[in-house]
């Protein structure tokens, strides 16, 4: 079952995963700095569902872009 797994593929997967997660974190911090209100408070305490959906769609779009870049490279 494990015969088809190559160590270099596992290492490259971990490398690209860490790069992708780092880029997502940087984008989150940029969004958090740019907005004039605390996003976490709006979503958790004020139950702002529209903001939660907007942030989720931004993260999904960033994940698709990062995945496309990784696959093409």
PDB file of N, CA and C in Angstrom:
ATOM      1  N   UNK A   1       0.822  -1.196   0.000  1.00  0.00           N
ATOM      2  CA  UNK A   1       0.000   0.000   0.000  1.00  0.00           C
ATOM      3  C   UNK A   1       0.865   1.260   0.000  1.00  0.00           C
ATOM      4  N   UNK A   2       1.960   1.220   0.691  1.00  0.00           N
ATOM      5  CA  UNK A   2       2.838   2.385   0.774  1.00  0.00           C
ATOM      6  C   UNK A   2       3.948   2.355  -0.266  1.00  0.00           C
ATOM      7  N   UNK A   3       3.927   1.406  -1.159  1.00  0.00           N
ATOM      8  CA  UNK A   3       4.994   1.263  -2.149  1.00  0.00           C
ATOM      9  C   UNK A   3       5.021   2.423  -3.145  1.00  0.00           C
ATOM     10  N   UNK A   4       3.855   3.004  -3.462  1.00  0.00           N
ATOM     11  CA  UNK A   4       3.791   4.062  -4.464  1.00  0.00           C
ATOM     12  C   UNK A   4       4.128   5.449  -3.943  1.00  0.00           C
ATOM     13  N   UNK A   5       4.348   5.584  -2.645  1.00  0.00           N
ATOM     14  CA  UNK A   5       4.639   6.892  -2.056  1.00  0.00           C
ATOM     15  C   UNK A   5       6.136   7.176  -2.164  1.00  0.00           C
ATOM     16  N   UNK A   6       6.462   8.327  -2.726  1.00  0.00           N
ATOM     17  CA  UNK A   6       7.851   8.735  -2.890  1.00  0.00           C
ATOM     18  C   UNK A   6       8.143   9.830  -1.866  1.00  0.00           C
ATOM     19  N   UNK A   7       9.283   9.740  -1.210  1.00  0.00           N
ATOM     20  CA  UNK A   7       9.631  10.687  -0.157  1.00  0.00           C
ATOM     21  C   UNK A   7       9.697  12.116  -0.671  1.00  0.00           C
ATOM     22  N   UNK A   8      10.199  12.311  -1.883  1.00  0.00           N
ATOM     23  CA  UNK A   8      10.300  13.669  -2.418  1.00  0.00           C
ATOM     24  C   UNK A   8       8.921  14.292  -2.633  1.00  0.00           C
ATOM     25  N   UNK A   9       7.922  13.477  -2.984  1.00  0.00           N
ATOM     26  CA  UNK A   9       6.571  13.998  -3.148  1.00  0.00           C
ATOM     27  C   UNK A   9       5.970  14.406  -1.812  1.00  0.00           C
ATOM     28  N   UNK A  10       6.251  13.642  -0.777  1.00  0.00           N
ATOM     29  CA  UNK A  10       5.752  13.985   0.559  1.00  0.00           C
ATOM     30  C   UNK A  10       6.397  15.275   1.052  1.00  0.00           C
ATOM     31  N   UNK A  11       7.689  15.415   0.839  1.00  0.00           N
ATOM     32  CA  UNK A  11       8.397  16.627   1.270  1.00  0.00           C
ATOM     33  C   UNK A  11       7.901  17.841   0.499  1.00  0.00           C
ATOM     34  N   UNK A  12       7.695  17.688  -0.811  1.00  0.00           N
ATOM     35  CA  UNK A  12       7.208  18.825  -1.593  1.00  0.00           C
ATOM     36  C   UNK A  12       5.784  19.180  -1.200  1.00  0.00           C
ATOM     37  N   UNK A  13       4.946  18.188  -0.872  1.00  0.00           N
ATOM     38  CA  UNK A  13       3.594  18.465  -0.411  1.00  0.00           C
ATOM     39  C   UNK A  13       3.614  19.253   0.897  1.00  0.00           C
ATOM     40  N   UNK A  14       4.467  18.851   1.827  1.00  0.00           N
ATOM     41  CA  UNK A  14       4.574  19.567   3.105  1.00  0.00           C
ATOM     42  C   UNK A  14       5.106  20.987   2.895  1.00  0.00           C
ATOM     43  N   UNK A  15       6.054  21.131   1.983  1.00  0.00           N
ATOM     44  CA  UNK A  15       6.621  22.445   1.688  1.00  0.00           C
ATOM     45  C   UNK A  15       5.556  23.381   1.108  1.00  0.00           C
ATOM     46  N   UNK A  16       4.838  22.898   0.095  1.00  0.00           N
ATOM     47  CA  UNK A  16       3.818  23.738  -0.531  1.00  0.00           C
ATOM     48  C   UNK A  16       2.635  23.999   0.406  1.00  0.00           C
ATOM     49  N   UNK A  17       2.328  23.048   1.260  1.00  0.00           N
ATOM     50  CA  UNK A  17       1.269  23.266   2.247  1.00  0.00           C
ATOM     51  C   UNK A  17       1.656  24.365   3.214  1.00  0.00           C
ATOM     52  N   UNK A  18       2.893  24.353   3.684  1.00  0.00           N
ATOM     53  CA  UNK A  18       3.336  25.391   4.620  1.00  0.00           C
ATOM     54  C   UNK A  18       3.381  26.759   3.942  1.00  0.00           C
ATOM     55  N   UNK A  19       3.796  26.802   2.686  1.00  0.00           N
ATOM     56  CA  UNK A  19       3.785  28.075   1.956  1.00  0.00           C
ATOM     57  C   UNK A  19       2.351  28.583   1.788  1.00  0.00           C
ATOM     58  N   UNK A  20       1.439  27.688   1.422  1.00  0.00           N
ATOM     59  CA  UNK A  20       0.042  28.076   1.253  1.00  0.00           C
ATOM     60  C   UNK A  20      -0.581  28.575   2.545  1.00  0.00           C
ATOM     61  N   UNK A  21      -0.317  27.876   3.645  1.00  0.00           N
ATOM     62  CA  UNK A  21      -0.861  28.302   4.937  1.00  0.00           C
ATOM     63  C   UNK A  21      -0.246  29.631   5.363  1.00  0.00           C
ATOM     64  N   UNK A  22       1.027  29.827   5.083  1.00  0.00           N
ATOM     65  CA  UNK A  22       1.666  31.109   5.400  1.00  0.00           C
ATOM     66  C   UNK A  22       1.060  32.254   4.607  1.00  0.00           C
ATOM     67  N   UNK A  23       0.809  32.023   3.327  1.00  0.00           N
ATOM     68  CA  UNK A  23       0.169  33.059   2.508  1.00  0.00           C
ATOM     69  C   UNK A  23      -1.244  33.357   2.983  1.00  0.00           C
ATOM     70  N   UNK A  24      -1.985  32.325   3.393  1.00  0.00           N
ATOM     71  CA  UNK A  24      -3.338  32.540   3.911  1.00  0.00           C
ATOM     72  C   UNK A  24      -3.285  33.372   5.203  1.00  0.00           C
ATOM     73  N   UNK A  25      -2.303  33.099   6.061  1.00  0.00           N
ATOM     74  CA  UNK A  25      -2.160  33.858   7.304  1.00  0.00           C
ATOM     75  C   UNK A  25      -1.817  35.318   7.011  1.00  0.00           C
ATOM     76  N   UNK A  26      -0.912  35.535   6.073  1.00  0.00           N
ATOM     77  CA  UNK A  26      -0.550  36.910   5.709  1.00  0.00           C
ATOM     78  C   UNK A  26      -1.751  37.650   5.150  1.00  0.00           C
ATOM     79  N   UNK A  27      -2.529  36.979   4.304  1.00  0.00           N
ATOM     80  CA  UNK A  27      -3.737  37.622   3.755  1.00  0.00           C
ATOM     81  C   UNK A  27      -4.740  37.924   4.853  1.00  0.00           C
ATOM     82  N   UNK A  28      -4.886  37.029   5.814  1.00  0.00           N
ATOM     83  CA  UNK A  28      -5.796  37.282   6.936  1.00  0.00           C
ATOM     84  C   UNK A  28      -5.350  38.512   7.722  1.00  0.00           C
ATOM     85  N   UNK A  29      -4.065  38.631   7.989  1.00  0.00           N
ATOM     86  CA  UNK A  29      -3.557  39.783   8.733  1.00  0.00           C
ATOM     87  C   UNK A  29      -3.761  41.084   7.948  1.00  0.00           C
ATOM     88  N   UNK A  30      -3.570  41.043   6.631  1.00  0.00           N
ATOM     89  CA  UNK A  30      -3.796  42.233   5.803  1.00  0.00           C
ATOM     90  C   UNK A  30      -5.264  42.635   5.858  1.00  0.00           C
ATOM     91  N   UNK A  31      -6.165  41.665   5.733  1.00  0.00           N
ATOM     92  CA  UNK A  31      -7.601  41.969   5.812  1.00  0.00           C
ATOM     93  C   UNK A  31      -7.941  42.535   7.184  1.00  0.00           C
ATOM     94  N   UNK A  32      -7.377  41.965   8.231  1.00  0.00           N
ATOM     95  CA  UNK A  32      -7.651  42.418   9.592  1.00  0.00           C
ATOM     96  C   UNK A  32      -7.143  43.838   9.824  1.00  0.00           C
ATOM     97  N   UNK A  33      -6.002  44.186   9.255  1.00  0.00           N
ATOM     98  CA  UNK A  33      -5.442  45.530   9.415  1.00  0.00           C
ATOM     99  C   UNK A  33      -6.231  46.556   8.610  1.00  0.00           C
ATOM    100  N   UNK A  34      -6.670  46.175   7.415  1.00  0.00           N
ATOM    101  CA  UNK A  34      -7.340  47.112   6.518  1.00  0.00           C
ATOM    102  C   UNK A  34      -8.751  47.465   6.999  1.00  0.00           C
ATOM    103  N   UNK A  35      -9.443  46.507   7.605  1.00  0.00           N
ATOM    104  CA  UNK A  35     -10.817  46.783   8.031  1.00  0.00           C
ATOM    105  C   UNK A  35     -10.827  47.705   9.252  1.00  0.00           C
ATOM    106  N   UNK A  36     -11.787  48.641   9.290  1.00  0.00           N
ATOM    107  CA  UNK A  36     -11.828  49.602  10.409  1.00  0.00           C
ATOM    108  C   UNK A  36     -12.498  49.050  11.663  1.00  0.00           C
ATOM    109  N   UNK A  37     -12.946  47.804  11.644  1.00  0.00           N
ATOM    110  CA  UNK A  37     -13.627  47.212  12.800  1.00  0.00           C
ATOM    111  C   UNK A  37     -13.045  45.829  13.060  1.00  0.00           C
ATOM    112  N   UNK A  38     -13.181  45.323  14.287  1.00  0.00           N
ATOM    113  CA  UNK A  38     -12.652  43.979  14.575  1.00  0.00           C
ATOM    114  C   UNK A  38     -13.521  42.890  13.946  1.00  0.00           C
ATOM    115  N   UNK A  39     -12.959  42.134  13.048  1.00  0.00           N
ATOM    116  CA  UNK A  39     -13.714  41.120  12.304  1.00  0.00           C
ATOM    117  C   UNK A  39     -14.192  39.999  13.235  1.00  0.00           C
ATOM    118  N   UNK A  40     -13.336  39.543  14.118  1.00  0.00           N
ATOM    119  CA  UNK A  40     -13.688  38.442  15.014  1.00  0.00           C
ATOM    120  C   UNK A  40     -14.869  38.828  15.897  1.00  0.00           C
ATOM    121  N   UNK A  41     -14.855  40.043  16.428  1.00  0.00           N
ATOM    122  CA  UNK A  41     -15.959  40.510  17.273  1.00  0.00           C
ATOM    123  C   UNK A  41     -17.258  40.584  16.479  1.00  0.00           C
ATOM    124  N   UNK A  42     -17.187  41.081  15.270  1.00  0.00           N
ATOM    125  CA  UNK A  42     -18.384  41.187  14.428  1.00  0.00           C
ATOM    126  C   UNK A  42     -18.988  39.813  14.147  1.00  0.00           C
ATOM    127  N   UNK A  43     -18.147  38.833  13.889  1.00  0.00           N
ATOM    128  CA  UNK A  43     -18.650  37.506  13.546  1.00  0.00           C
ATOM    129  C   UNK A  43     -19.128  36.758  14.793  1.00  0.00           C
ATOM    130  N   UNK A  44     -18.316  36.753  15.844  1.00  0.00           N
ATOM    131  CA  UNK A  44     -18.641  35.948  17.018  1.00  0.00           C
ATOM    132  C   UNK A  44     -19.695  36.597  17.914  1.00  0.00           C
ATOM    133  N   UNK A  45     -19.490  37.839  18.301  1.00  0.00           N
ATOM    134  CA  UNK A  45     -20.389  38.464  19.267  1.00  0.00           C
ATOM    135  C   UNK A  45     -21.642  39.051  18.623  1.00  0.00           C
ATOM    136  N   UNK A  46     -21.472  39.730  17.489  1.00  0.00           N
ATOM    137  CA  UNK A  46     -22.610  40.382  16.850  1.00  0.00           C
ATOM    138  C   UNK A  46     -23.329  39.471  15.860  1.00  0.00           C
ATOM    139  N   UNK A  47     -22.835  38.252  15.661  1.00  0.00           N
ATOM    140  CA  UNK A  47     -23.451  37.256  14.785  1.00  0.00           C
ATOM    141  C   UNK A  47     -23.679  37.777  13.364  1.00  0.00           C
ATOM    142  N   UNK A  48     -22.674  38.437  12.809  1.00  0.00           N
ATOM    143  CA  UNK A  48     -22.761  39.001  11.467  1.00  0.00           C
ATOM    144  C   UNK A  48     -22.470  37.895  10.447  1.00  0.00           C
ATOM    145  N   UNK A  49     -23.543  37.255   9.971  1.00  0.00           N
ATOM    146  CA  UNK A  49     -23.408  36.126   9.062  1.00  0.00           C
ATOM    147  C   UNK A  49     -22.897  36.580   7.694  1.00  0.00           C
ATOM    148  N   UNK A  50     -23.328  37.741   7.247  1.00  0.00           N
ATOM    149  CA  UNK A  50     -22.887  38.236   5.944  1.00  0.00           C
ATOM    150  C   UNK A  50     -21.374  38.441   5.919  1.00  0.00           C
ATOM    151  N   UNK A  51     -20.804  38.968   6.983  1.00  0.00           N
ATOM    152  CA  UNK A  51     -19.361  39.147   7.056  1.00  0.00           C
ATOM    153  C   UNK A  51     -18.652  37.799   7.092  1.00  0.00           C
ATOM    154  N   UNK A  52     -19.211  36.832   7.801  1.00  0.00           N
ATOM    155  CA  UNK A  52     -18.610  35.500   7.858  1.00  0.00           C
ATOM    156  C   UNK A  52     -18.599  34.855   6.474  1.00  0.00           C
ATOM    157  N   UNK A  53     -19.673  35.001   5.718  1.00  0.00           N
ATOM    158  CA  UNK A  53     -19.735  34.446   4.374  1.00  0.00           C
ATOM    159  C   UNK A  53     -18.737  35.157   3.467  1.00  0.00           C
ATOM    160  N   UNK A  54     -18.607  36.473   3.607  1.00  0.00           N
ATOM    161  CA  UNK A  54     -17.647  37.238   2.808  1.00  0.00           C
ATOM    162  C   UNK A  54     -16.214  36.792   3.089  1.00  0.00           C
ATOM    163  N   UNK A  55     -15.856  36.664   4.344  1.00  0.00           N
ATOM    164  CA  UNK A  55     -14.502  36.229   4.712  1.00  0.00           C
ATOM    165  C   UNK A  55     -14.255  34.802   4.214  1.00  0.00           C
ATOM    166  N   UNK A  56     -15.252  33.926   4.352  1.00  0.00           N
ATOM    167  CA  UNK A  56     -15.103  32.547   3.874  1.00  0.00           C
ATOM    168  C   UNK A  56     -14.889  32.514   2.369  1.00  0.00           C
ATOM    169  N   UNK A  57     -15.628  33.332   1.624  1.00  0.00           N
ATOM    170  CA  UNK A  57     -15.457  33.344   0.175  1.00  0.00           C
ATOM    171  C   UNK A  57     -14.088  33.894  -0.224  1.00  0.00           C
ATOM    172  N   UNK A  58     -13.578  34.851   0.536  1.00  0.00           N
ATOM    173  CA  UNK A  58     -12.235  35.371   0.270  1.00  0.00           C
ATOM    174  C   UNK A  58     -11.196  34.269   0.479  1.00  0.00           C
ATOM    175  N   UNK A  59     -11.333  33.493   1.569  1.00  0.00           N
ATOM    176  CA  UNK A  59     -10.380  32.417   1.833  1.00  0.00           C
ATOM    177  C   UNK A  59     -10.478  31.308   0.792  1.00  0.00           C
ATOM    178  N   UNK A  60     -11.683  30.994   0.333  1.00  0.00           N
ATOM    179  CA  UNK A  60     -11.833  29.973  -0.708  1.00  0.00           C
ATOM    180  C   UNK A  60     -11.183  30.449  -2.006  1.00  0.00           C
ATOM    181  N   UNK A  61     -11.386  31.710  -2.352  1.00  0.00           N
ATOM    182  CA  UNK A  61     -10.774  32.249  -3.565  1.00  0.00           C
ATOM    183  C   UNK A  61      -9.249  32.241  -3.456  1.00  0.00           C
ATOM    184  N   UNK A  62      -8.716  32.629  -2.296  1.00  0.00           N
ATOM    185  CA  UNK A  62      -7.264  32.594  -2.115  1.00  0.00           C
ATOM    186  C   UNK A  62      -6.729  31.168  -2.199  1.00  0.00           C
ATOM    187  N   UNK A  63      -7.452  30.203  -1.648  1.00  0.00           N
ATOM    188  CA  UNK A  63      -7.011  28.810  -1.707  1.00  0.00           C
ATOM    189  C   UNK A  63      -6.984  28.307  -3.136  1.00  0.00           C
ATOM    190  N   UNK A  64      -7.973  28.692  -3.934  1.00  0.00           N
ATOM    191  CA  UNK A  64      -7.995  28.273  -5.337  1.00  0.00           C
ATOM    192  C   UNK A  64      -6.822  28.886  -6.093  1.00  0.00           C
ATOM    193  N   UNK A  65      -6.549  30.157  -5.838  1.00  0.00           N
ATOM    194  CA  UNK A  65      -5.431  30.826  -6.515  1.00  0.00           C
ATOM    195  C   UNK A  65      -4.093  30.200  -6.121  1.00  0.00           C
ATOM    196  N   UNK A  66      -3.897  29.960  -4.831  1.00  0.00           N
ATOM    197  CA  UNK A  66      -2.649  29.361  -4.362  1.00  0.00           C
ATOM    198  C   UNK A  66      -2.489  27.956  -4.943  1.00  0.00           C
ATOM    199  N   UNK A  67      -3.569  27.173  -4.980  1.00  0.00           N
ATOM    200  CA  UNK A  67      -3.502  25.831  -5.543  1.00  0.00           C
ATOM    201  C   UNK A  67      -3.159  25.869  -7.026  1.00  0.00           C
ATOM    202  N   UNK A  68      -3.725  26.825  -7.753  1.00  0.00           N
ATOM    203  CA  UNK A  68      -3.418  26.937  -9.186  1.00  0.00           C
ATOM    204  C   UNK A  68      -1.959  27.287  -9.405  1.00  0.00           C
ATOM    205  N   UNK A  69      -1.426  28.149  -8.568  1.00  0.00           N
ATOM    206  CA  UNK A  69      -0.016  28.527  -8.697  1.00  0.00           C
ATOM    207  C   UNK A  69       0.888  27.335  -8.388  1.00  0.00           C
ATOM    208  N   UNK A  70       0.547  26.584  -7.352  1.00  0.00           N
ATOM    209  CA  UNK A  70       1.364  25.428  -6.975  1.00  0.00           C
ATOM    210  C   UNK A  70       1.325  24.356  -8.061  1.00  0.00           C
ATOM    211  N   UNK A  71       0.154  24.105  -8.638  1.00  0.00           N
ATOM    212  CA  UNK A  71       0.021  23.081  -9.661  1.00  0.00           C
ATOM    213  C   UNK A  71       0.758  23.492 -10.942  1.00  0.00           C
ATOM    214  N   UNK A  72       0.707  24.779 -11.278  1.00  0.00           N
ATOM    215  CA  UNK A  72       1.350  25.213 -12.509  1.00  0.00           C
ATOM    216  C   UNK A  72       2.869  25.284 -12.388  1.00  0.00           C
ATOM    217  N   UNK A  73       3.383  25.374 -11.171  1.00  0.00           N
ATOM    218  CA  UNK A  73       4.819  25.538 -10.980  1.00  0.00           C
ATOM    219  C   UNK A  73       5.527  24.292 -10.882  1.00  0.00           C
TER     220      UNK A  73
END
